[in-house]
PDB file of N, CA and C in Angstrom:
ATOM      1  N   MET A   1      40.279  17.155 -42.963  1.00  0.00           N
ATOM      2  CA  MET A   1      39.458  16.215 -41.957  1.00  0.00           C
ATOM      3  C   MET A   1      38.216  16.065 -42.297  1.00  0.00           C
ATOM      4  N   ILE A   2      37.927  14.408 -42.804  1.00  0.00           N
ATOM      5  CA  ILE A   2      35.826  14.932 -42.762  1.00  0.00           C
ATOM      6  C   ILE A   2      36.090  14.605 -41.098  1.00  0.00           C
ATOM      7  N   ARG A   3      34.673  14.823 -40.019  1.00  0.00           N
ATOM      8  CA  ARG A   3      34.539  14.340 -39.364  1.00  0.00           C
ATOM      9  C   ARG A   3      33.349  13.827 -39.343  1.00  0.00           C
ATOM     10  N   GLY A   4      33.347  13.150 -38.144  1.00  0.00           N
ATOM     11  CA  GLY A   4      31.559  12.340 -39.024  1.00  0.00           C
ATOM     12  C   GLY A   4      30.163  12.888 -37.622  1.00  0.00           C
ATOM     13  N   THR A   5      28.685  12.147 -38.229  1.00  0.00           N
ATOM     14  CA  THR A   5      28.040  13.120 -37.077  1.00  0.00           C
ATOM     15  C   THR A   5      28.376  12.561 -35.681  1.00  0.00           C
ATOM     16  N   HIS A   6      27.482  13.151 -34.884  1.00  0.00           N
ATOM     17  CA  HIS A   6      27.374  13.152 -33.219  1.00  0.00           C
ATOM     18  C   HIS A   6      26.072  11.800 -33.685  1.00  0.00           C
ATOM     19  N   GLU A   7      25.318  11.199 -34.677  1.00  0.00           N
ATOM     20  CA  GLU A   7      24.881   9.884 -34.615  1.00  0.00           C
ATOM     21  C   GLU A   7      25.941   8.391 -35.338  1.00  0.00           C
ATOM     22  N   ASP A   8      26.824   9.302 -36.343  1.00  0.00           N
ATOM     23  CA  ASP A   8      28.098   8.767 -36.430  1.00  0.00           C
ATOM     24  C   ASP A   8      28.486   8.009 -35.627  1.00  0.00           C
ATOM     25  N   ARG A   9      29.228   8.862 -34.176  1.00  0.00           N
ATOM     26  CA  ARG A   9      29.959   8.013 -33.133  1.00  0.00           C
ATOM     27  C   ARG A   9      29.104   7.770 -32.531  1.00  0.00           C
ATOM     28  N   ASP A  10      27.349   7.506 -32.396  1.00  0.00           N
ATOM     29  CA  ASP A  10      26.564   7.110 -31.753  1.00  0.00           C
ATOM     30  C   ASP A  10      26.825   4.912 -32.281  1.00  0.00           C
ATOM     31  N   LEU A  11      26.617   5.198 -33.289  1.00  0.00           N
ATOM     32  CA  LEU A  11      26.900   4.004 -33.524  1.00  0.00           C
ATOM     33  C   LEU A  11      28.123   3.491 -34.097  1.00  0.00           C
ATOM     34  N   VAL A  12      28.939   4.272 -33.642  1.00  0.00           N
ATOM     35  CA  VAL A  12      30.623   2.867 -33.963  1.00  0.00           C
ATOM     36  C   VAL A  12      30.465   3.374 -32.458  1.00  0.00           C
ATOM     37  N   ARG A  13      29.810   3.562 -31.217  1.00  0.00           N
ATOM     38  CA  ARG A  13      30.092   3.391 -29.786  1.00  0.00           C
ATOM     39  C   ARG A  13      29.118   2.440 -29.828  1.00  0.00           C
ATOM     40  N   ARG A  14      28.039   2.087 -30.402  1.00  0.00           N
ATOM     41  CA  ARG A  14      27.381   1.025 -30.208  1.00  0.00           C
ATOM     42  C   ARG A  14      28.079   0.311 -30.535  1.00  0.00           C
ATOM     43  N   ALA A  15      28.543  -0.474 -31.504  1.00  0.00           N
ATOM     44  CA  ALA A  15      29.686  -1.350 -31.993  1.00  0.00           C
ATOM     45  C   ALA A  15      30.258  -1.786 -31.583  1.00  0.00           C
ATOM     46  N   ASN A  16      31.335  -0.827 -31.034  1.00  0.00           N
ATOM     47  CA  ASN A  16      31.522  -1.428 -30.427  1.00  0.00           C
ATOM     48  C   ASN A  16      31.830  -2.383 -28.903  1.00  0.00           C
ATOM     49  N   THR A  17      30.492  -1.220 -28.031  1.00  0.00           N
ATOM     50  CA  THR A  17      29.937  -2.316 -26.636  1.00  0.00           C
ATOM     51  C   THR A  17      29.515  -3.423 -27.112  1.00  0.00           C
ATOM     52  N   ALA A  18      29.135  -3.324 -28.543  1.00  0.00           N
ATOM     53  CA  ALA A  18      28.750  -5.333 -29.078  1.00  0.00           C
ATOM     54  C   ALA A  18      29.560  -6.342 -29.133  1.00  0.00           C
ATOM     55  N   PHE A  19      30.599  -5.446 -29.919  1.00  0.00           N
ATOM     56  CA  PHE A  19      32.304  -6.683 -30.103  1.00  0.00           C
ATOM     57  C   PHE A  19      32.435  -6.119 -28.679  1.00  0.00           C
ATOM     58  N   ARG A  20      32.870  -5.655 -27.757  1.00  0.00           N
ATOM     59  CA  ARG A  20      33.976  -6.163 -26.591  1.00  0.00           C
ATOM     60  C   ARG A  20      32.836  -7.385 -25.607  1.00  0.00           C
ATOM     61  N   ALA A  21      31.754  -7.714 -25.921  1.00  0.00           N
ATOM     62  CA  ALA A  21      31.052  -7.898 -25.456  1.00  0.00           C
ATOM     63  C   ALA A  21      30.381  -9.320 -26.421  1.00  0.00           C
ATOM     64  N   GLY A  22      30.686  -9.166 -27.392  1.00  0.00           N
ATOM     65  CA  GLY A  22      30.108 -10.531 -28.178  1.00  0.00           C
ATOM     66  C   GLY A  22      31.622 -11.055 -28.570  1.00  0.00           C
ATOM     67  N   PRO A  23      30.700 -12.306 -30.053  1.00  0.00           N
ATOM     68  CA  PRO A  23      32.419 -13.712 -30.204  1.00  0.00           C
ATOM     69  C   PRO A  23      32.361 -13.219 -31.779  1.00  0.00           C
ATOM     70  N   ALA A  24      31.746 -12.046 -31.704  1.00  0.00           N
ATOM     71  CA  ALA A  24      32.428 -11.678 -33.401  1.00  0.00           C
ATOM     72  C   ALA A  24      32.863 -10.174 -33.595  1.00  0.00           C
ATOM     73  N   ASP A  25      33.400 -10.336 -34.892  1.00  0.00           N
ATOM     74  CA  ASP A  25      34.685  -9.252 -34.871  1.00  0.00           C
ATOM     75  C   ASP A  25      33.782  -7.416 -35.114  1.00  0.00           C
ATOM     76  N   PHE A  26      34.562  -6.763 -35.170  1.00  0.00           N
ATOM     77  CA  PHE A  26      34.160  -5.225 -35.030  1.00  0.00           C
ATOM     78  C   PHE A  26      33.071  -4.963 -36.015  1.00  0.00           C
ATOM     79  N   SER A  27      33.835  -5.348 -37.293  1.00  0.00           N
ATOM     80  CA  SER A  27      33.020  -4.539 -38.376  1.00  0.00           C
ATOM     81  C   SER A  27      31.676  -5.696 -38.441  1.00  0.00           C
ATOM     82  N   ASP A  28      31.294  -6.415 -38.263  1.00  0.00           N
ATOM     83  CA  ASP A  28      30.420  -7.290 -37.873  1.00  0.00           C
ATOM     84  C   ASP A  28      29.428  -6.249 -37.546  1.00  0.00           C
ATOM     85  N   TYR A  29      29.889  -5.993 -35.858  1.00  0.00           N
ATOM     86  CA  TYR A  29      28.796  -5.396 -35.645  1.00  0.00           C
ATOM     87  C   TYR A  29      28.403  -3.831 -36.119  1.00  0.00           C
ATOM     88  N   LEU A  30      28.909  -3.070 -36.996  1.00  0.00           N
ATOM     89  CA  LEU A  30      28.864  -2.299 -37.225  1.00  0.00           C
ATOM     90  C   LEU A  30      28.274  -2.184 -38.926  1.00  0.00           C
ATOM     91  N   ILE A  31      28.609  -3.880 -39.180  1.00  0.00           N
ATOM     92  CA  ILE A  31      27.739  -3.238 -40.667  1.00  0.00           C
ATOM     93  C   ILE A  31      25.880  -3.872 -40.017  1.00  0.00           C
ATOM     94  N   GLY A  32      25.593  -4.278 -38.779  1.00  0.00           N
ATOM     95  CA  GLY A  32      24.707  -4.553 -37.841  1.00  0.00           C
ATOM     96  C   GLY A  32      23.874  -3.150 -37.288  1.00  0.00           C
ATOM     97  N   GLU A  33      24.672  -2.272 -37.047  1.00  0.00           N
ATOM     98  CA  GLU A  33      24.712  -1.141 -36.846  1.00  0.00           C
ATOM     99  C   GLU A  33      24.263  -0.322 -38.136  1.00  0.00           C
ATOM    100  N   ILE A  34      24.623  -0.187 -39.042  1.00  0.00           N
ATOM    101  CA  ILE A  34      24.225   0.767 -40.266  1.00  0.00           C
ATOM    102  C   ILE A  34      22.947  -0.045 -40.889  1.00  0.00           C
ATOM    103  N   ASP A  35      22.487  -1.429 -41.000  1.00  0.00           N
ATOM    104  CA  ASP A  35      22.061  -1.906 -41.208  1.00  0.00           C
ATOM    105  C   ASP A  35      19.989  -1.415 -40.855  1.00  0.00           C
ATOM    106  N   ARG A  36      20.170  -0.994 -39.226  1.00  0.00           N
ATOM    107  CA  ARG A  36      19.529  -1.314 -38.137  1.00  0.00           C
ATOM    108  C   ARG A  36      19.681   0.411 -38.439  1.00  0.00           C
ATOM    109  N   ARG A  37      20.026   0.936 -38.840  1.00  0.00           N
ATOM    110  CA  ARG A  37      20.081   2.944 -38.908  1.00  0.00           C
ATOM    111  C   ARG A  37      19.371   2.673 -40.509  1.00  0.00           C
ATOM    112  N   ALA A  38      19.532   1.707 -41.441  1.00  0.00           N
ATOM    113  CA  ALA A  38      18.458   1.927 -41.963  1.00  0.00           C
ATOM    114  C   ALA A  38      17.448   1.383 -42.151  1.00  0.00           C
ATOM    115  N   GLY A  39      17.003   1.069 -41.146  1.00  0.00           N
ATOM    116  CA  GLY A  39      15.814   0.342 -41.234  1.00  0.00           C
ATOM    117  C   GLY A  39      15.449  -1.303 -40.652  1.00  0.00           C
ATOM    118  N   CYS A  40      16.678  -1.655 -41.150  1.00  0.00           N
ATOM    119  CA  CYS A  40      16.680  -3.397 -41.437  1.00  0.00           C
ATOM    120  C   CYS A  40      16.435  -3.378 -39.950  1.00  0.00           C
ATOM    121  N   THR A  41      15.650  -5.151 -39.748  1.00  0.00           N
ATOM    122  CA  THR A  41      15.618  -5.714 -38.402  1.00  0.00           C
ATOM    123  C   THR A  41      16.416  -7.102 -38.176  1.00  0.00           C
ATOM    124  N   THR A  42      16.812  -7.143 -39.276  1.00  0.00           N
ATOM    125  CA  THR A  42      17.620  -8.494 -39.517  1.00  0.00           C
ATOM    126  C   THR A  42      19.296  -8.712 -39.897  1.00  0.00           C
ATOM    127  N   THR A  43      20.379  -8.233 -39.528  1.00  0.00           N
ATOM    128  CA  THR A  43      21.023  -8.304 -40.489  1.00  0.00           C
ATOM    129  C   THR A  43      21.866  -9.935 -40.572  1.00  0.00           C
ATOM    130  N   LEU A  44      21.722 -10.905 -42.056  1.00  0.00           N
ATOM    131  CA  LEU A  44      21.771 -12.775 -42.076  1.00  0.00           C
ATOM    132  C   LEU A  44      23.424 -12.762 -41.696  1.00  0.00           C
ATOM    133  N   THR A  45      24.094 -13.413 -41.557  1.00  0.00           N
ATOM    134  CA  THR A  45      26.053 -13.529 -41.658  1.00  0.00           C
ATOM    135  C   THR A  45      25.652 -15.525 -41.668  1.00  0.00           C
ATOM    136  N   PHE A  46      26.881 -15.086 -42.131  1.00  0.00           N
ATOM    137  CA  PHE A  46      27.864 -17.121 -41.750  1.00  0.00           C
ATOM    138  C   PHE A  46      27.657 -17.284 -40.496  1.00  0.00           C
ATOM    139  N   ASP A  47      28.282 -16.648 -40.093  1.00  0.00           N
ATOM    140  CA  ASP A  47      29.446 -17.098 -38.826  1.00  0.00           C
ATOM    141  C   ASP A  47      27.887 -16.821 -37.598  1.00  0.00           C
ATOM    142  N   GLN A  48      28.425 -18.367 -37.752  1.00  0.00           N
ATOM    143  CA  GLN A  48      27.392 -19.546 -35.961  1.00  0.00           C
ATOM    144  C   GLN A  48      26.733 -18.263 -34.927  1.00  0.00           C
ATOM    145  N   ARG A  49      28.123 -17.855 -34.275  1.00  0.00           N
ATOM    146  CA  ARG A  49      28.274 -16.989 -33.283  1.00  0.00           C
ATOM    147  C   ARG A  49      27.610 -15.731 -33.184  1.00  0.00           C
ATOM    148  N   LEU A  50      27.985 -15.193 -34.570  1.00  0.00           N
ATOM    149  CA  LEU A  50      26.924 -13.747 -34.279  1.00  0.00           C
ATOM    150  C   LEU A  50      25.784 -14.436 -34.929  1.00  0.00           C
ATOM    151  N   ALA A  51      24.949 -14.971 -35.715  1.00  0.00           N
ATOM    152  CA  ALA A  51      23.998 -15.604 -35.850  1.00  0.00           C
ATOM    153  C   ALA A  51      23.456 -16.044 -34.722  1.00  0.00           C
ATOM    154  N   ALA A  52      23.368 -16.054 -33.488  1.00  0.00           N
ATOM    155  CA  ALA A  52      23.409 -16.330 -32.274  1.00  0.00           C
ATOM    156  C   ALA A  52      23.037 -15.551 -31.484  1.00  0.00           C
ATOM    157  N   THR A  53      23.598 -14.317 -31.596  1.00  0.00           N
ATOM    158  CA  THR A  53      22.922 -12.864 -31.585  1.00  0.00           C
ATOM    159  C   THR A  53      21.949 -12.399 -31.496  1.00  0.00           C
ATOM    160  N   GLU A  54      20.510 -11.574 -31.060  1.00  0.00           N
ATOM    161  CA  GLU A  54      20.131 -10.701 -31.499  1.00  0.00           C
ATOM    162  C   GLU A  54      20.479  -9.841 -32.335  1.00  0.00           C
ATOM    163  N   GLY A  55      20.468  -9.536 -33.397  1.00  0.00           N
ATOM    164  CA  GLY A  55      19.762  -8.837 -34.465  1.00  0.00           C
ATOM    165  C   GLY A  55      20.901  -9.850 -35.625  1.00  0.00           C
ATOM    166  N   PHE A  56      20.821 -10.431 -35.172  1.00  0.00           N
ATOM    167  CA  PHE A  56      21.427 -11.586 -36.634  1.00  0.00           C
ATOM    168  C   PHE A  56      20.921 -12.390 -36.699  1.00  0.00           C
ATOM    169  N   GLU A  57      21.304 -13.119 -38.007  1.00  0.00           N
ATOM    170  CA  GLU A  57      19.995 -14.100 -38.289  1.00  0.00           C
ATOM    171  C   GLU A  57      21.242 -14.817 -39.574  1.00  0.00           C
ATOM    172  N   GLU A  58      21.627 -16.226 -39.121  1.00  0.00           N
ATOM    173  CA  GLU A  58      22.728 -17.363 -40.130  1.00  0.00           C
ATOM    174  C   GLU A  58      20.500 -17.466 -41.555  1.00  0.00           C
ATOM    175  N   PRO A  59      21.576 -17.086 -42.585  1.00  0.00           N
ATOM    176  CA  PRO A  59      20.686 -17.862 -43.779  1.00  0.00           C
ATOM    177  C   PRO A  59      20.291 -19.172 -43.740  1.00  0.00           C
ATOM    178  N   GLY A  60      18.715 -19.739 -43.450  1.00  0.00           N
ATOM    179  CA  GLY A  60      18.286 -21.181 -44.201  1.00  0.00           C
ATOM    180  C   GLY A  60      17.149 -20.916 -44.833  1.00  0.00           C
ATOM    181  N   ALA A  61      16.665 -22.515 -44.555  1.00  0.00           N
ATOM    182  CA  ALA A  61      15.335 -22.646 -45.774  1.00  0.00           C
ATOM    183  C   ALA A  61      14.690 -21.710 -45.421  1.00  0.00           C
ATOM    184  N   GLU A  62      14.665 -21.297 -43.663  1.00  0.00           N
ATOM    185  CA  GLU A  62      12.534 -20.501 -43.255  1.00  0.00           C
ATOM    186  C   GLU A  62      13.619 -19.259 -43.620  1.00  0.00           C
ATOM    187  N   THR A  63      14.357 -18.548 -44.406  1.00  0.00           N
ATOM    188  CA  THR A  63      14.568 -16.463 -43.844  1.00  0.00           C
ATOM    189  C   THR A  63      15.081 -16.962 -45.824  1.00  0.00           C
ATOM    190  N   GLY A  64      15.437 -18.313 -46.384  1.00  0.00           N
ATOM    191  CA  GLY A  64      15.857 -17.644 -47.790  1.00  0.00           C
ATOM    192  C   GLY A  64      16.899 -17.103 -47.853  1.00  0.00           C
ATOM    193  N   TYR A  65      17.774 -16.368 -49.382  1.00  0.00           N
ATOM    194  CA  TYR A  65      19.273 -16.153 -49.492  1.00  0.00           C
ATOM    195  C   TYR A  65      17.960 -14.346 -50.155  1.00  0.00           C
ATOM    196  N   PRO A  66      18.460 -13.518 -49.822  1.00  0.00           N
ATOM    197  CA  PRO A  66      17.688 -11.923 -50.075  1.00  0.00           C
ATOM    198  C   PRO A  66      18.274 -11.997 -51.691  1.00  0.00           C
ATOM    199  N   THR A  67      16.985 -11.618 -52.431  1.00  0.00           N
ATOM    200  CA  THR A  67      17.321 -11.626 -53.396  1.00  0.00           C
ATOM    201  C   THR A  67      16.788  -9.562 -54.079  1.00  0.00           C
ATOM    202  N   ARG A  68      16.762  -8.563 -53.163  1.00  0.00           N
ATOM    203  CA  ARG A  68      17.035  -7.506 -53.717  1.00  0.00           C
ATOM    204  C   ARG A  68      17.216  -7.268 -52.315  1.00  0.00           C
ATOM    205  N   VAL A  69      17.633  -5.930 -52.195  1.00  0.00           N
ATOM    206  CA  VAL A  69      17.352  -4.882 -51.024  1.00  0.00           C
ATOM    207  C   VAL A  69      15.785  -4.339 -50.986  1.00  0.00           C
ATOM    208  N   SER A  70      15.768  -4.606 -49.644  1.00  0.00           N
ATOM    209  CA  SER A  70      14.441  -4.002 -49.294  1.00  0.00           C
ATOM    210  C   SER A  70      14.569  -2.270 -48.749  1.00  0.00           C
ATOM    211  N   GLU A  71      13.995  -1.837 -49.643  1.00  0.00           N
ATOM    212  CA  GLU A  71      13.430   0.078 -48.489  1.00  0.00           C
ATOM    213  C   GLU A  71      12.880  -0.091 -47.142  1.00  0.00           C
ATOM    214  N   PRO A  72      13.522   0.458 -46.244  1.00  0.00           N
ATOM    215  CA  PRO A  72      13.055   1.076 -45.594  1.00  0.00           C
ATOM    216  C   PRO A  72      11.339   1.604 -45.437  1.00  0.00           C
TER     217      PRO A  72
END
């Protein structure tokens, strides 16, 4: 059995807490937490309800679509 690190468990706990309080699926919040751990400040989403949540944003004319993955 592979055991996660303490940091991984904290990441999943934060995603679960956000999921219980927010409008989106658990996987959306987990992706957002993984992105933040990687140094991203915003996670793009097409879910309009989630886009209204801090740390998430809907891609649009002002942000554009990503053309590459940024490095921390």
